[in-house]
Amino acid sequence: PKVTKDSAAKPGQAEYEASCAACHATDQMGAPAVGDKDAWVKVMEKGMDKVLANAINGTGGMPPKGGNKDLTNKQVKDIVKFMVESSK
């Protein structure tokens, strides 16, 4: 979801758009696409703690913090929560 002047950004949304959307906006990069409910149901089978750890530390082809080392762990957690909530 894009931020418009009339909508309030959700926690993690701006950071998602800046650092994560390149791979998570579609499934073309092999990452679960935001908005793909079935893909995120499968991801969440691991549990939120594991999903957060993977986002912070990297997993498979995803580098730690999605390649943005300047993100704090809290920002990464906010991004993951934004992506999960946007995919329900």
C-alpha atoms as a PDB file:
ATOM      1  CA  PRO A   1       0.000   0.000   0.000  1.00  0.00           C
ATOM      2  CA  LYS A   2       1.246   3.436  -0.895  1.00  0.00           C
ATOM      3  CA  VAL A   3       1.128   6.393   1.471  1.00  0.00           C
ATOM      4  CA  THR A   4      -1.012   9.249   0.208  1.00  0.00           C
ATOM      5  CA  LYS A   5      -1.364  12.711   1.639  1.00  0.00           C
ATOM      6  CA  ASP A   6      -4.823  11.776   2.912  1.00  0.00           C
ATOM      7  CA  SER A   7      -3.798   8.574   4.691  1.00  0.00           C
ATOM      8  CA  ALA A   8      -1.797   8.105   7.841  1.00  0.00           C
ATOM      9  CA  ALA A   9       1.205   5.836   7.474  1.00  0.00           C
ATOM     10  CA  LYS A  10       1.201   2.714   9.598  1.00  0.00           C
ATOM     11  CA  PRO A  11       4.261   1.854  11.701  1.00  0.00           C
ATOM     12  CA  GLY A  12       6.831   0.236   9.436  1.00  0.00           C
ATOM     13  CA  GLN A  13       5.155   1.306   6.198  1.00  0.00           C
ATOM     14  CA  ALA A  14       7.641   3.997   5.158  1.00  0.00           C
ATOM     15  CA  GLU A  15      10.597   1.739   5.964  1.00  0.00           C
ATOM     16  CA  TYR A  16       8.945  -1.123   4.036  1.00  0.00           C
ATOM     17  CA  GLU A  17       8.532   1.101   0.988  1.00  0.00           C
ATOM     18  CA  ALA A  18      12.123   2.336   1.214  1.00  0.00           C
ATOM     19  CA  SER A  19      13.895  -0.930   2.000  1.00  0.00           C
ATOM     20  CA  CYS A  20      11.676  -3.952   1.345  1.00  0.00           C
ATOM     21  CA  ALA A  21       9.188  -3.261  -1.441  1.00  0.00           C
ATOM     22  CA  ALA A  22      11.721  -4.013  -4.181  1.00  0.00           C
ATOM     23  CA  CYS A  23      11.517  -7.706  -3.267  1.00  0.00           C
ATOM     24  CA  HIS A  24       8.215  -7.960  -1.393  1.00  0.00           C
ATOM     25  CA  ALA A  25       5.903  -5.902  -3.649  1.00  0.00           C
ATOM     26  CA  THR A  26       5.575  -8.925  -5.963  1.00  0.00           C
ATOM     27  CA  ASP A  27       6.661 -12.540  -5.716  1.00  0.00           C
ATOM     28  CA  GLN A  28       9.026 -12.243  -8.693  1.00  0.00           C
ATOM     29  CA  MET A  29      12.096 -12.167  -6.427  1.00  0.00           C
ATOM     30  CA  GLY A  30      10.993 -15.285  -4.568  1.00  0.00           C
ATOM     31  CA  ALA A  31       9.982 -13.322  -1.479  1.00  0.00           C
ATOM     32  CA  PRO A  32       6.414 -13.520  -0.168  1.00  0.00           C
ATOM     33  CA  ALA A  33       4.534 -10.605  -1.685  1.00  0.00           C
ATOM     34  CA  VAL A  34       2.751  -8.208   0.630  1.00  0.00           C
ATOM     35  CA  GLY A  35      -0.948  -8.756   0.131  1.00  0.00           C
ATOM     36  CA  ASP A  36      -0.580 -12.448  -0.794  1.00  0.00           C
ATOM     37  CA  LYS A  37      -2.568 -13.962   2.048  1.00  0.00           C
ATOM     38  CA  ASP A  38      -1.693 -17.580   1.219  1.00  0.00           C
ATOM     39  CA  ALA A  39       2.046 -16.869   1.039  1.00  0.00           C
ATOM     40  CA  TRP A  40       2.014 -15.126   4.411  1.00  0.00           C
ATOM     41  CA  VAL A  41      -0.069 -17.858   6.054  1.00  0.00           C
ATOM     42  CA  LYS A  42       2.711 -20.254   5.055  1.00  0.00           C
ATOM     43  CA  VAL A  43       5.431 -17.878   6.333  1.00  0.00           C
ATOM     44  CA  MET A  44       3.647 -17.414   9.642  1.00  0.00           C
ATOM     45  CA  GLU A  45       3.496 -21.175  10.237  1.00  0.00           C
ATOM     46  CA  LYS A  46       7.040 -20.683  11.564  1.00  0.00           C
ATOM     47  CA  GLY A  47       5.744 -18.326  14.253  1.00  0.00           C
ATOM     48  CA  MET A  48       6.334 -14.609  14.652  1.00  0.00           C
ATOM     49  CA  ASP A  49       9.541 -15.042  16.680  1.00  0.00           C
ATOM     50  CA  LYS A  50      11.180 -17.070  13.885  1.00  0.00           C
ATOM     51  CA  VAL A  51       9.931 -14.728  11.169  1.00  0.00           C
ATOM     52  CA  LEU A  52      11.342 -11.726  13.060  1.00  0.00           C
ATOM     53  CA  ALA A  53      14.668 -13.509  13.633  1.00  0.00           C
ATOM     54  CA  ASN A  54      14.880 -14.335   9.912  1.00  0.00           C
ATOM     55  CA  ALA A  55      14.149 -10.721   8.981  1.00  0.00           C
ATOM     56  CA  ILE A  56      16.810  -9.406  11.351  1.00  0.00           C
ATOM     57  CA  ASN A  57      19.482 -12.044  10.652  1.00  0.00           C
ATOM     58  CA  GLY A  58      18.672 -12.914   7.047  1.00  0.00           C
ATOM     59  CA  THR A  59      17.489 -16.183   5.544  1.00  0.00           C
ATOM     60  CA  GLY A  60      17.877 -17.859   2.165  1.00  0.00           C
ATOM     61  CA  GLY A  61      18.450 -15.128  -0.407  1.00  0.00           C
ATOM     62  CA  MET A  62      17.412 -12.332   1.951  1.00  0.00           C
ATOM     63  CA  PRO A  63      20.302 -10.512   3.598  1.00  0.00           C
ATOM     64  CA  PRO A  64      20.083  -9.365   7.229  1.00  0.00           C
ATOM     65  CA  LYS A  65      17.601  -6.514   7.607  1.00  0.00           C
ATOM     66  CA  GLY A  66      16.786  -6.805   3.916  1.00  0.00           C
ATOM     67  CA  GLY A  67      20.212  -5.373   3.112  1.00  0.00           C
ATOM     68  CA  ASN A  68      19.654  -2.111   5.004  1.00  0.00           C
ATOM     69  CA  LYS A  69      22.088  -2.338   7.910  1.00  0.00           C
ATOM     70  CA  ASP A  70      20.949   1.078   9.151  1.00  0.00           C
ATOM     71  CA  LEU A  71      17.548  -0.280  10.220  1.00  0.00           C
ATOM     72  CA  THR A  72      17.175  -0.947  13.923  1.00  0.00           C
ATOM     73  CA  ASN A  73      15.771  -4.258  15.123  1.00  0.00           C
ATOM     74  CA  LYS A  74      12.621  -2.389  16.191  1.00  0.00           C
ATOM     75  CA  GLN A  75      12.214  -0.926  12.711  1.00  0.00           C
ATOM     76  CA  VAL A  76      12.573  -4.401  11.182  1.00  0.00           C
ATOM     77  CA  LYS A  77       9.945  -5.723  13.590  1.00  0.00           C
ATOM     78  CA  ASP A  78       7.605  -2.873  12.640  1.00  0.00           C
ATOM     79  CA  ILE A  79       8.171  -3.648   8.944  1.00  0.00           C
ATOM     80  CA  VAL A  80       7.406  -7.347   9.425  1.00  0.00           C
ATOM     81  CA  LYS A  81       4.274  -6.552  11.396  1.00  0.00           C
ATOM     82  CA  PHE A  82       3.186  -4.108   8.667  1.00  0.00           C
ATOM     83  CA  MET A  83       3.753  -6.748   5.971  1.00  0.00           C
ATOM     84  CA  VAL A  84       1.875  -9.446   7.893  1.00  0.00           C
ATOM     85  CA  GLU A  85      -1.058  -7.164   8.724  1.00  0.00           C
ATOM     86  CA  SER A  86      -1.232  -5.960   5.111  1.00  0.00           C
ATOM     87  CA  SER A  87      -1.450  -9.568   3.939  1.00  0.00           C
ATOM     88  CA  LYS A  88      -4.456 -10.732   5.951  1.00  0.00           C
END
